[in-house]
Amino acid sequence: MNPLIDVAELRRLLDADPPPTLLDVRWSLGATDGEEQYLAGHLPGAAYVDLDTELAGPPGRGGRHPLPSAEVVTGAMQRAGVRSDRKVVAYDAGPGFSAARAWWVLTDAGHPDVVVLNGGLAAWRGAGLPIETGDVAAVPGDFVAVPGHRSVLDAEGVRQHLASGRDLYDVRAADRFAGLNETVDPVAGHIPGARNLPIGTLT
């Protein structure tokens, strides 16, 4: 299944009964204004989902954004109106980075039909389509997260992966990969043997 949906197809599906559930996942590294951006304007009917607290666990030994618990995902998705039998469309400001996180977490948790809006809010606005302001009180959903539908590796798994001669890609910006301009992580640089493929070059 194609993990992307374009604006024209989403617009068509929003007239269906029932329409897909829309998740606004605007987020950027070091910023905390995702919800403010959402309240200022979002796709009609979309609910806001916070990447830091609802699509990730607390920072610690598992990293800065470890996978959230099943209980956290279940609570967040039910609050946002996600149902097991209804398509979910996640979007962000445009690049798709944080919407892709929602796609990954939800598909790992067992939701069968999740897609990302290609071009995000920027594409929607670019098509001249309406937005609405303020919060959306979604009808509570019934989705229950059952993680484990996607493969994950811990640090030892990564070490074994590299030792077997396979590739590891670091998708951070090139300067952070090189250990320069590091303002987020406590240790600059990258995992020995990793290759750099900045995610910003893939949009």
N, C-alpha and C. Protein backbone atom coordinates (compact mmCIF):
# COMPACT_ATOMS: atom_id res chain seq x y z
N MET A 1 0.84 -1.19 0.00
CA MET A 1 0.00 0.00 0.00
C MET A 1 0.88 1.25 0.00
N ASN A 2 0.52 2.22 -0.83
CA ASN A 2 1.24 3.48 -0.89
C ASN A 2 1.08 4.23 0.43
N PRO A 3 2.18 4.61 1.11
CA PRO A 3 2.05 5.32 2.39
C PRO A 3 1.72 6.80 2.23
N LEU A 4 1.59 7.28 0.99
CA LEU A 4 1.29 8.69 0.74
C LEU A 4 -0.09 8.85 0.11
N ILE A 5 -0.69 10.00 0.39
CA ILE A 5 -1.95 10.37 -0.26
C ILE A 5 -1.78 11.81 -0.72
N ASP A 6 -2.30 12.13 -1.91
CA ASP A 6 -2.18 13.51 -2.37
C ASP A 6 -3.42 14.31 -1.98
N VAL A 7 -3.32 15.62 -2.18
CA VAL A 7 -4.40 16.51 -1.75
C VAL A 7 -5.71 16.19 -2.44
N ALA A 8 -5.66 15.94 -3.76
CA ALA A 8 -6.90 15.68 -4.50
C ALA A 8 -7.62 14.44 -3.97
N GLU A 9 -6.86 13.38 -3.68
CA GLU A 9 -7.47 12.15 -3.18
C GLU A 9 -8.03 12.37 -1.77
N LEU A 10 -7.30 13.10 -0.93
CA LEU A 10 -7.81 13.36 0.42
C LEU A 10 -9.08 14.18 0.36
N ARG A 11 -9.09 15.18 -0.50
CA ARG A 11 -10.30 15.99 -0.61
C ARG A 11 -11.50 15.13 -0.99
N ARG A 12 -11.29 14.18 -1.90
CA ARG A 12 -12.37 13.28 -2.31
C ARG A 12 -12.83 12.41 -1.13
N LEU A 13 -11.86 11.87 -0.38
CA LEU A 13 -12.21 10.98 0.73
C LEU A 13 -12.92 11.71 1.86
N LEU A 14 -12.67 12.99 2.02
CA LEU A 14 -13.33 13.74 3.10
C LEU A 14 -14.83 13.87 2.88
N ASP A 15 -15.27 13.63 1.64
CA ASP A 15 -16.71 13.64 1.36
C ASP A 15 -17.35 12.27 1.56
N ALA A 16 -16.52 11.27 1.89
CA ALA A 16 -17.05 9.92 2.09
C ALA A 16 -17.71 9.80 3.46
N ASP A 17 -18.41 8.71 3.66
CA ASP A 17 -19.05 8.43 4.94
C ASP A 17 -18.66 7.02 5.39
N PRO A 18 -17.77 6.88 6.37
CA PRO A 18 -17.18 7.97 7.14
C PRO A 18 -15.91 8.52 6.47
N PRO A 19 -15.56 9.75 6.79
CA PRO A 19 -14.31 10.31 6.26
C PRO A 19 -13.13 9.77 7.06
N PRO A 20 -11.91 9.93 6.55
CA PRO A 20 -10.74 9.50 7.32
C PRO A 20 -10.53 10.38 8.55
N THR A 21 -9.81 9.86 9.50
CA THR A 21 -9.41 10.62 10.68
C THR A 21 -8.14 11.39 10.35
N LEU A 22 -8.14 12.69 10.63
CA LEU A 22 -7.00 13.55 10.32
C LEU A 22 -6.20 13.85 11.58
N LEU A 23 -4.88 13.65 11.49
CA LEU A 23 -3.99 13.96 12.61
C LEU A 23 -3.00 15.03 12.21
N ASP A 24 -2.99 16.13 12.92
CA ASP A 24 -2.02 17.21 12.70
C ASP A 24 -0.83 16.94 13.62
N VAL A 25 0.33 16.69 13.02
CA VAL A 25 1.51 16.31 13.80
C VAL A 25 2.64 17.32 13.55
N ARG A 26 2.31 18.59 13.55
CA ARG A 26 3.36 19.59 13.31
C ARG A 26 4.35 19.63 14.47
N TRP A 27 5.62 19.59 14.11
CA TRP A 27 6.70 19.53 15.10
C TRP A 27 7.99 19.90 14.41
N SER A 28 8.89 20.56 15.14
CA SER A 28 10.23 20.80 14.63
C SER A 28 11.20 20.75 15.80
N LEU A 29 12.41 20.29 15.51
CA LEU A 29 13.42 20.08 16.55
C LEU A 29 13.69 21.35 17.33
N GLY A 30 13.57 21.25 18.65
CA GLY A 30 13.86 22.38 19.52
C GLY A 30 12.72 23.36 19.69
N ALA A 31 11.63 23.17 18.97
CA ALA A 31 10.48 24.07 19.07
C ALA A 31 9.36 23.42 19.88
N THR A 32 8.52 24.26 20.46
CA THR A 32 7.41 23.75 21.28
C THR A 32 6.08 24.38 20.87
N ASP A 33 6.01 24.92 19.65
CA ASP A 33 4.82 25.67 19.24
C ASP A 33 3.94 24.90 18.27
N GLY A 34 4.09 23.58 18.20
CA GLY A 34 3.27 22.80 17.27
C GLY A 34 1.78 22.97 17.52
N GLU A 35 1.38 22.92 18.78
CA GLU A 35 -0.05 23.06 19.07
C GLU A 35 -0.54 24.47 18.78
N GLU A 36 0.30 25.47 19.03
CA GLU A 36 -0.08 26.85 18.70
C GLU A 36 -0.30 27.00 17.20
N GLN A 37 0.58 26.39 16.41
CA GLN A 37 0.40 26.44 14.96
C GLN A 37 -0.91 25.76 14.56
N TYR A 38 -1.19 24.63 15.20
CA TYR A 38 -2.43 23.91 14.92
C TYR A 38 -3.65 24.78 15.22
N LEU A 39 -3.67 25.42 16.38
CA LEU A 39 -4.82 26.23 16.76
C LEU A 39 -5.01 27.42 15.82
N ALA A 40 -3.91 27.90 15.25
CA ALA A 40 -3.98 29.05 14.34
C ALA A 40 -4.53 28.66 12.97
N GLY A 41 -4.51 27.36 12.64
CA GLY A 41 -5.06 26.94 11.36
C GLY A 41 -4.68 25.52 11.03
N HIS A 42 -5.68 24.69 10.72
CA HIS A 42 -5.43 23.27 10.41
C HIS A 42 -6.49 22.76 9.46
N LEU A 43 -6.28 21.55 8.93
CA LEU A 43 -7.27 20.94 8.06
C LEU A 43 -8.58 20.76 8.85
N PRO A 44 -9.71 21.01 8.22
CA PRO A 44 -10.99 20.88 8.92
C PRO A 44 -11.17 19.50 9.55
N GLY A 45 -11.45 19.51 10.84
CA GLY A 45 -11.71 18.27 11.56
C GLY A 45 -10.49 17.59 12.12
N ALA A 46 -9.29 18.10 11.84
CA ALA A 46 -8.07 17.45 12.31
C ALA A 46 -7.88 17.63 13.81
N ALA A 47 -7.35 16.60 14.45
CA ALA A 47 -6.98 16.65 15.86
C ALA A 47 -5.47 16.76 15.96
N TYR A 48 -4.98 17.48 16.96
CA TYR A 48 -3.54 17.65 17.14
C TYR A 48 -2.97 16.50 17.96
N VAL A 49 -1.82 15.98 17.53
CA VAL A 49 -1.10 14.95 18.26
C VAL A 49 0.32 15.44 18.51
N ASP A 50 0.74 15.41 19.76
CA ASP A 50 2.06 15.92 20.14
C ASP A 50 3.12 14.84 19.97
N LEU A 51 4.11 15.11 19.14
CA LEU A 51 5.14 14.12 18.88
C LEU A 51 5.95 13.80 20.13
N ASP A 52 6.32 14.82 20.90
CA ASP A 52 7.20 14.61 22.04
C ASP A 52 6.56 13.77 23.15
N THR A 53 5.26 13.94 23.37
CA THR A 53 4.63 13.28 24.51
C THR A 53 3.68 12.15 24.14
N GLU A 54 3.20 12.11 22.87
CA GLU A 54 2.22 11.10 22.48
C GLU A 54 2.74 10.12 21.43
N LEU A 55 3.80 10.52 20.72
CA LEU A 55 4.41 9.62 19.73
C LEU A 55 5.81 9.21 20.14
N ALA A 56 6.20 9.54 21.36
CA ALA A 56 7.51 9.17 21.88
C ALA A 56 7.42 8.99 23.39
N GLY A 57 8.30 8.15 23.91
CA GLY A 57 8.39 7.98 25.36
C GLY A 57 9.32 9.03 25.95
N PRO A 58 9.44 9.08 27.26
CA PRO A 58 10.33 10.04 27.91
C PRO A 58 11.79 9.80 27.51
N PRO A 59 12.58 10.86 27.32
CA PRO A 59 14.00 10.68 27.01
C PRO A 59 14.70 9.91 28.12
N GLY A 60 15.71 9.15 27.74
CA GLY A 60 16.46 8.37 28.73
C GLY A 60 17.38 7.39 28.04
N ARG A 61 17.53 6.22 28.61
CA ARG A 61 18.43 5.22 28.05
C ARG A 61 17.99 4.78 26.64
N GLY A 62 16.72 4.94 26.36
CA GLY A 62 16.22 4.58 25.05
C GLY A 62 16.40 5.65 24.00
N GLY A 63 17.02 6.78 24.38
CA GLY A 63 17.25 7.85 23.42
C GLY A 63 16.38 9.06 23.70
N ARG A 64 16.48 10.05 22.80
CA ARG A 64 15.73 11.28 22.98
C ARG A 64 14.25 11.09 22.65
N HIS A 65 13.95 10.26 21.67
CA HIS A 65 12.56 9.99 21.29
C HIS A 65 12.33 8.48 21.16
N PRO A 66 12.40 7.75 22.27
CA PRO A 66 12.14 6.31 22.19
C PRO A 66 10.68 6.05 21.86
N LEU A 67 10.38 4.83 21.47
CA LEU A 67 9.00 4.50 21.18
C LEU A 67 8.13 4.64 22.43
N PRO A 68 6.92 5.14 22.27
CA PRO A 68 6.02 5.28 23.42
C PRO A 68 5.45 3.93 23.82
N SER A 69 4.91 3.87 25.02
CA SER A 69 4.25 2.64 25.47
C SER A 69 2.93 2.46 24.74
N ALA A 70 2.44 1.24 24.76
CA ALA A 70 1.14 0.96 24.15
C ALA A 70 0.03 1.78 24.80
N GLU A 71 0.15 1.98 26.11
CA GLU A 71 -0.88 2.75 26.83
C GLU A 71 -0.90 4.21 26.37
N VAL A 72 0.28 4.78 26.15
CA VAL A 72 0.35 6.17 25.69
C VAL A 72 -0.24 6.30 24.29
N VAL A 73 0.14 5.38 23.39
CA VAL A 73 -0.39 5.43 22.02
C VAL A 73 -1.90 5.24 22.01
N THR A 74 -2.38 4.28 22.78
CA THR A 74 -3.82 4.03 22.84
C THR A 74 -4.56 5.27 23.32
N GLY A 75 -4.09 5.86 24.42
CA GLY A 75 -4.76 7.05 24.96
C GLY A 75 -4.76 8.21 23.99
N ALA A 76 -3.61 8.45 23.34
CA ALA A 76 -3.51 9.58 22.41
C ALA A 76 -4.40 9.37 21.19
N MET A 77 -4.38 8.16 20.65
CA MET A 77 -5.15 7.91 19.44
C MET A 77 -6.65 7.89 19.72
N GLN A 78 -7.06 7.34 20.84
CA GLN A 78 -8.48 7.37 21.16
C GLN A 78 -8.95 8.81 21.38
N ARG A 79 -8.12 9.63 22.04
CA ARG A 79 -8.46 11.04 22.23
C ARG A 79 -8.62 11.75 20.89
N ALA A 80 -7.76 11.38 19.92
CA ALA A 80 -7.78 12.03 18.61
C ALA A 80 -8.84 11.46 17.68
N GLY A 81 -9.59 10.46 18.16
CA GLY A 81 -10.68 9.91 17.36
C GLY A 81 -10.31 8.78 16.43
N VAL A 82 -9.14 8.18 16.62
CA VAL A 82 -8.70 7.11 15.73
C VAL A 82 -9.49 5.83 16.00
N ARG A 83 -10.01 5.26 14.91
CA ARG A 83 -10.74 4.01 14.98
C ARG A 83 -9.99 2.94 14.19
N SER A 84 -10.14 1.71 14.60
CA SER A 84 -9.45 0.60 13.94
C SER A 84 -9.94 0.38 12.52
N ASP A 85 -11.20 0.73 12.24
CA ASP A 85 -11.79 0.45 10.94
C ASP A 85 -11.87 1.67 10.04
N ARG A 86 -11.11 2.72 10.36
CA ARG A 86 -11.18 3.94 9.57
C ARG A 86 -9.78 4.42 9.19
N LYS A 87 -9.62 4.84 7.94
CA LYS A 87 -8.33 5.34 7.47
C LYS A 87 -7.87 6.52 8.30
N VAL A 88 -6.57 6.60 8.52
CA VAL A 88 -5.96 7.72 9.23
C VAL A 88 -5.02 8.45 8.27
N VAL A 89 -5.12 9.76 8.23
CA VAL A 89 -4.22 10.59 7.43
C VAL A 89 -3.47 11.52 8.37
N ALA A 90 -2.16 11.39 8.39
CA ALA A 90 -1.31 12.25 9.21
C ALA A 90 -0.66 13.30 8.32
N TYR A 91 -0.51 14.50 8.84
CA TYR A 91 0.17 15.55 8.08
C TYR A 91 0.93 16.46 9.04
N ASP A 92 1.90 17.19 8.46
CA ASP A 92 2.62 18.20 9.23
C ASP A 92 2.69 19.47 8.39
N ALA A 93 3.68 20.32 8.64
CA ALA A 93 3.73 21.59 7.92
C ALA A 93 4.04 21.40 6.44
N GLY A 94 4.68 20.29 6.09
CA GLY A 94 4.98 20.06 4.69
C GLY A 94 6.03 19.01 4.42
N PRO A 95 7.17 19.04 5.12
CA PRO A 95 8.23 18.08 4.78
C PRO A 95 7.84 16.62 4.99
N GLY A 96 6.96 16.35 5.95
CA GLY A 96 6.52 14.98 6.20
C GLY A 96 7.31 14.26 7.27
N PHE A 97 8.32 14.92 7.89
CA PHE A 97 9.17 14.24 8.86
C PHE A 97 8.36 13.75 10.06
N SER A 98 7.60 14.66 10.68
CA SER A 98 6.88 14.28 11.89
C SER A 98 5.62 13.46 11.56
N ALA A 99 5.00 13.73 10.41
CA ALA A 99 3.86 12.90 10.00
C ALA A 99 4.31 11.46 9.76
N ALA A 100 5.53 11.29 9.25
CA ALA A 100 6.05 9.94 9.05
C ALA A 100 6.25 9.23 10.37
N ARG A 101 6.59 9.98 11.41
CA ARG A 101 6.70 9.37 12.74
C ARG A 101 5.34 8.82 13.17
N ALA A 102 4.29 9.59 12.95
CA ALA A 102 2.95 9.12 13.31
C ALA A 102 2.60 7.87 12.51
N TRP A 103 2.93 7.87 11.21
CA TRP A 103 2.68 6.70 10.37
C TRP A 103 3.39 5.47 10.93
N TRP A 104 4.65 5.63 11.31
CA TRP A 104 5.44 4.50 11.79
C TRP A 104 4.88 3.97 13.11
N VAL A 105 4.61 4.88 14.05
CA VAL A 105 4.12 4.47 15.36
C VAL A 105 2.77 3.76 15.23
N LEU A 106 1.89 4.33 14.42
CA LEU A 106 0.56 3.73 14.28
C LEU A 106 0.60 2.38 13.56
N THR A 107 1.41 2.27 12.52
CA THR A 107 1.48 0.98 11.83
C THR A 107 2.19 -0.06 12.69
N ASP A 108 3.19 0.35 13.46
CA ASP A 108 3.82 -0.57 14.40
C ASP A 108 2.81 -1.04 15.45
N ALA A 109 1.89 -0.14 15.81
CA ALA A 109 0.88 -0.46 16.82
C ALA A 109 -0.28 -1.27 16.26
N GLY A 110 -0.25 -1.54 14.95
CA GLY A 110 -1.25 -2.43 14.39
C GLY A 110 -2.37 -1.81 13.61
N HIS A 111 -2.35 -0.49 13.40
CA HIS A 111 -3.42 0.09 12.59
C HIS A 111 -3.21 -0.29 11.13
N PRO A 112 -4.26 -0.77 10.46
CA PRO A 112 -4.08 -1.33 9.11
C PRO A 112 -4.09 -0.32 7.98
N ASP A 113 -4.46 0.95 8.23
CA ASP A 113 -4.66 1.88 7.12
C ASP A 113 -4.26 3.30 7.53
N VAL A 114 -2.98 3.59 7.39
CA VAL A 114 -2.44 4.90 7.76
C VAL A 114 -1.64 5.45 6.59
N VAL A 115 -1.85 6.71 6.25
CA VAL A 115 -1.11 7.35 5.17
C VAL A 115 -0.68 8.74 5.61
N VAL A 116 0.29 9.30 4.88
CA VAL A 116 0.80 10.64 5.13
C VAL A 116 0.39 11.54 3.97
N LEU A 117 -0.08 12.74 4.27
CA LEU A 117 -0.47 13.69 3.23
C LEU A 117 0.78 14.23 2.55
N ASN A 118 0.94 13.94 1.28
CA ASN A 118 2.10 14.38 0.52
C ASN A 118 2.09 15.91 0.41
N GLY A 119 3.14 16.54 0.96
CA GLY A 119 3.22 17.99 0.94
C GLY A 119 2.60 18.66 2.15
N GLY A 120 1.86 17.89 2.95
CA GLY A 120 1.32 18.39 4.21
C GLY A 120 0.42 19.61 4.07
N LEU A 121 0.39 20.40 5.12
CA LEU A 121 -0.47 21.59 5.16
C LEU A 121 -0.12 22.56 4.04
N ALA A 122 1.17 22.65 3.70
CA ALA A 122 1.58 23.56 2.63
C ALA A 122 0.90 23.20 1.31
N ALA A 123 0.81 21.90 1.01
CA ALA A 123 0.16 21.46 -0.23
C ALA A 123 -1.34 21.74 -0.19
N TRP A 124 -1.94 21.52 0.97
CA TRP A 124 -3.38 21.78 1.13
C TRP A 124 -3.68 23.25 0.90
N ARG A 125 -2.90 24.11 1.53
CA ARG A 125 -3.09 25.55 1.35
C ARG A 125 -2.78 25.96 -0.08
N GLY A 126 -1.74 25.35 -0.66
CA GLY A 126 -1.37 25.68 -2.02
C GLY A 126 -2.46 25.36 -3.02
N ALA A 127 -3.31 24.40 -2.68
CA ALA A 127 -4.43 24.03 -3.55
C ALA A 127 -5.64 24.94 -3.31
N GLY A 128 -5.50 25.92 -2.42
CA GLY A 128 -6.59 26.85 -2.15
C GLY A 128 -7.72 26.27 -1.34
N LEU A 129 -7.43 25.21 -0.58
CA LEU A 129 -8.48 24.54 0.19
C LEU A 129 -8.61 25.17 1.57
N PRO A 130 -9.78 25.06 2.19
CA PRO A 130 -10.05 25.77 3.44
C PRO A 130 -9.34 25.15 4.64
N ILE A 131 -9.08 25.99 5.61
CA ILE A 131 -8.58 25.55 6.90
C ILE A 131 -9.51 26.10 7.97
N GLU A 132 -9.40 25.53 9.18
CA GLU A 132 -10.18 26.05 10.29
C GLU A 132 -9.25 26.31 11.47
N THR A 133 -9.71 27.13 12.39
CA THR A 133 -8.91 27.48 13.55
C THR A 133 -9.53 26.89 14.81
N GLY A 134 -8.75 26.93 15.90
CA GLY A 134 -9.25 26.44 17.17
C GLY A 134 -9.08 24.94 17.32
N ASP A 135 -9.51 24.46 18.47
CA ASP A 135 -9.36 23.04 18.80
C ASP A 135 -10.52 22.24 18.23
N VAL A 136 -10.30 20.94 18.07
CA VAL A 136 -11.34 20.02 17.62
C VAL A 136 -11.54 18.97 18.72
N ALA A 137 -12.77 18.85 19.18
CA ALA A 137 -13.10 17.82 20.17
C ALA A 137 -13.58 16.59 19.41
N ALA A 138 -12.66 15.69 19.14
CA ALA A 138 -12.99 14.52 18.34
C ALA A 138 -13.88 13.56 19.12
N VAL A 139 -14.73 12.84 18.40
CA VAL A 139 -15.46 11.74 19.02
C VAL A 139 -14.43 10.67 19.38
N PRO A 140 -14.37 10.24 20.63
CA PRO A 140 -13.33 9.28 21.04
C PRO A 140 -13.30 8.04 20.15
N GLY A 141 -12.08 7.62 19.82
CA GLY A 141 -11.91 6.44 18.98
C GLY A 141 -11.86 5.16 19.79
N ASP A 142 -11.69 4.05 19.07
CA ASP A 142 -11.65 2.74 19.73
C ASP A 142 -10.34 2.00 19.50
N PHE A 143 -9.35 2.67 18.88
CA PHE A 143 -8.12 1.98 18.53
C PHE A 143 -7.32 1.60 19.78
N VAL A 144 -6.88 0.36 19.83
CA VAL A 144 -6.05 -0.14 20.92
C VAL A 144 -4.71 -0.56 20.33
N ALA A 145 -3.64 0.06 20.79
CA ALA A 145 -2.31 -0.21 20.26
C ALA A 145 -1.79 -1.57 20.70
N VAL A 146 -1.28 -2.31 19.73
CA VAL A 146 -0.60 -3.59 19.99
C VAL A 146 0.74 -3.52 19.27
N PRO A 147 1.77 -2.96 19.91
CA PRO A 147 3.05 -2.76 19.23
C PRO A 147 3.71 -4.07 18.80
N GLY A 148 4.63 -3.92 17.84
CA GLY A 148 5.41 -5.07 17.42
C GLY A 148 5.21 -5.47 15.98
N HIS A 149 4.51 -4.65 15.20
CA HIS A 149 4.26 -4.99 13.81
C HIS A 149 5.38 -4.53 12.88
N ARG A 150 6.38 -3.83 13.43
CA ARG A 150 7.55 -3.42 12.65
C ARG A 150 8.81 -3.82 13.41
N SER A 151 9.87 -4.04 12.68
CA SER A 151 11.13 -4.46 13.30
C SER A 151 11.85 -3.28 13.94
N VAL A 152 12.41 -3.51 15.11
CA VAL A 152 13.23 -2.50 15.79
C VAL A 152 14.52 -3.15 16.26
N LEU A 153 15.54 -2.31 16.45
CA LEU A 153 16.83 -2.76 16.95
C LEU A 153 17.21 -1.95 18.18
N ASP A 154 17.82 -2.60 19.16
CA ASP A 154 18.42 -1.86 20.26
C ASP A 154 19.89 -1.64 19.92
N ALA A 155 20.65 -1.06 20.85
CA ALA A 155 22.05 -0.73 20.58
C ALA A 155 22.86 -1.97 20.23
N GLU A 156 22.62 -3.06 20.93
CA GLU A 156 23.35 -4.29 20.62
C GLU A 156 22.97 -4.81 19.24
N GLY A 157 21.72 -4.68 18.88
CA GLY A 157 21.29 -5.09 17.56
C GLY A 157 21.95 -4.28 16.46
N VAL A 158 22.12 -2.99 16.72
CA VAL A 158 22.81 -2.14 15.74
C VAL A 158 24.27 -2.57 15.62
N ARG A 159 24.91 -2.87 16.75
CA ARG A 159 26.31 -3.30 16.71
C ARG A 159 26.45 -4.58 15.87
N GLN A 160 25.56 -5.54 16.08
CA GLN A 160 25.60 -6.78 15.31
C GLN A 160 25.30 -6.54 13.83
N HIS A 161 24.39 -5.64 13.57
CA HIS A 161 24.04 -5.29 12.20
C HIS A 161 25.27 -4.77 11.45
N LEU A 162 26.00 -3.85 12.08
CA LEU A 162 27.20 -3.31 11.46
C LEU A 162 28.30 -4.36 11.34
N ALA A 163 28.42 -5.19 12.37
CA ALA A 163 29.47 -6.21 12.36
C ALA A 163 29.26 -7.23 11.23
N SER A 164 28.01 -7.38 10.79
CA SER A 164 27.72 -8.32 9.72
C SER A 164 27.95 -7.71 8.34
N GLY A 165 28.41 -6.45 8.32
CA GLY A 165 28.71 -5.80 7.05
C GLY A 165 27.55 -5.06 6.41
N ARG A 166 26.44 -4.94 7.13
CA ARG A 166 25.28 -4.24 6.58
C ARG A 166 25.36 -2.75 6.89
N ASP A 167 24.56 -1.96 6.16
CA ASP A 167 24.64 -0.51 6.25
C ASP A 167 23.74 0.05 7.35
N LEU A 168 24.17 1.18 7.92
CA LEU A 168 23.39 1.94 8.88
C LEU A 168 23.40 3.39 8.41
N TYR A 169 22.21 3.97 8.27
CA TYR A 169 22.11 5.34 7.77
C TYR A 169 21.65 6.29 8.88
N ASP A 170 22.38 7.37 9.02
CA ASP A 170 22.07 8.45 9.95
C ASP A 170 21.42 9.55 9.12
N VAL A 171 20.14 9.86 9.41
CA VAL A 171 19.41 10.79 8.55
C VAL A 171 19.43 12.23 9.06
N ARG A 172 20.25 12.51 10.06
CA ARG A 172 20.37 13.89 10.52
C ARG A 172 21.12 14.74 9.49
N ALA A 173 21.06 16.06 9.69
CA ALA A 173 21.78 16.98 8.80
C ALA A 173 23.27 16.67 8.83
N ALA A 174 23.94 16.99 7.73
CA ALA A 174 25.36 16.64 7.57
C ALA A 174 26.23 17.26 8.65
N ASP A 175 25.93 18.49 9.08
CA ASP A 175 26.78 19.12 10.09
C ASP A 175 26.67 18.42 11.43
N ARG A 176 25.49 17.95 11.77
CA ARG A 176 25.34 17.23 13.03
C ARG A 176 25.98 15.84 12.93
N PHE A 177 25.86 15.20 11.79
CA PHE A 177 26.52 13.92 11.57
C PHE A 177 28.03 14.06 11.76
N ALA A 178 28.57 15.17 11.30
CA ALA A 178 30.02 15.41 11.39
C ALA A 178 30.45 15.87 12.78
N GLY A 179 29.50 16.07 13.69
CA GLY A 179 29.84 16.52 15.03
C GLY A 179 29.94 18.02 15.15
N LEU A 180 29.45 18.74 14.16
CA LEU A 180 29.48 20.20 14.17
C LEU A 180 28.09 20.75 14.47
N ASN A 181 28.05 21.91 15.08
CA ASN A 181 26.77 22.58 15.30
C ASN A 181 25.77 21.69 16.05
N GLU A 182 26.26 20.95 17.03
CA GLU A 182 25.38 20.06 17.80
C GLU A 182 24.82 20.81 19.00
N THR A 183 23.52 21.06 18.98
CA THR A 183 22.88 21.79 20.07
C THR A 183 21.81 20.97 20.78
N VAL A 184 21.64 19.72 20.36
CA VAL A 184 20.54 18.91 20.89
C VAL A 184 21.06 17.71 21.69
N ASP A 185 21.91 16.91 21.06
CA ASP A 185 22.39 15.70 21.71
C ASP A 185 23.59 15.98 22.61
N PRO A 186 23.72 15.28 23.73
CA PRO A 186 24.82 15.54 24.66
C PRO A 186 26.20 15.16 24.11
N VAL A 187 26.23 14.24 23.15
CA VAL A 187 27.48 13.83 22.54
C VAL A 187 27.39 14.09 21.03
N ALA A 188 28.35 14.83 20.50
CA ALA A 188 28.33 15.15 19.07
C ALA A 188 28.90 13.99 18.26
N GLY A 189 28.58 13.98 16.96
CA GLY A 189 29.12 12.96 16.07
C GLY A 189 28.10 11.90 15.72
N HIS A 190 28.58 10.71 15.34
CA HIS A 190 27.68 9.65 14.87
C HIS A 190 28.22 8.29 15.26
N ILE A 191 27.40 7.28 15.10
CA ILE A 191 27.79 5.90 15.39
C ILE A 191 28.89 5.48 14.41
N PRO A 192 30.00 4.95 14.89
CA PRO A 192 31.06 4.52 13.97
C PRO A 192 30.54 3.53 12.93
N GLY A 193 30.86 3.81 11.68
CA GLY A 193 30.43 2.94 10.59
C GLY A 193 29.15 3.39 9.90
N ALA A 194 28.44 4.36 10.51
CA ALA A 194 27.20 4.84 9.90
C ALA A 194 27.49 5.71 8.69
N ARG A 195 26.54 5.75 7.77
CA ARG A 195 26.61 6.63 6.62
C ARG A 195 25.57 7.73 6.79
N ASN A 196 25.84 8.87 6.18
CA ASN A 196 24.94 10.01 6.32
C ASN A 196 24.03 10.12 5.09
N LEU A 197 22.73 10.15 5.34
CA LEU A 197 21.73 10.38 4.29
C LEU A 197 20.72 11.38 4.86
N PRO A 198 21.05 12.69 4.81
CA PRO A 198 20.17 13.68 5.44
C PRO A 198 18.75 13.62 4.92
N ILE A 199 17.81 13.55 5.83
CA ILE A 199 16.42 13.40 5.43
C ILE A 199 15.93 14.60 4.63
N GLY A 200 16.55 15.77 4.88
CA GLY A 200 16.14 16.96 4.15
C GLY A 200 16.43 16.88 2.67
N THR A 201 17.32 15.99 2.26
CA THR A 201 17.64 15.85 0.84
C THR A 201 16.66 14.92 0.13
N LEU A 202 15.75 14.30 0.88
CA LEU A 202 14.85 13.31 0.30
C LEU A 202 13.46 13.87 0.04
N THR A 203 13.24 15.14 0.35
CA THR A 203 11.91 15.74 0.15
C THR A 203 11.80 16.39 -1.20
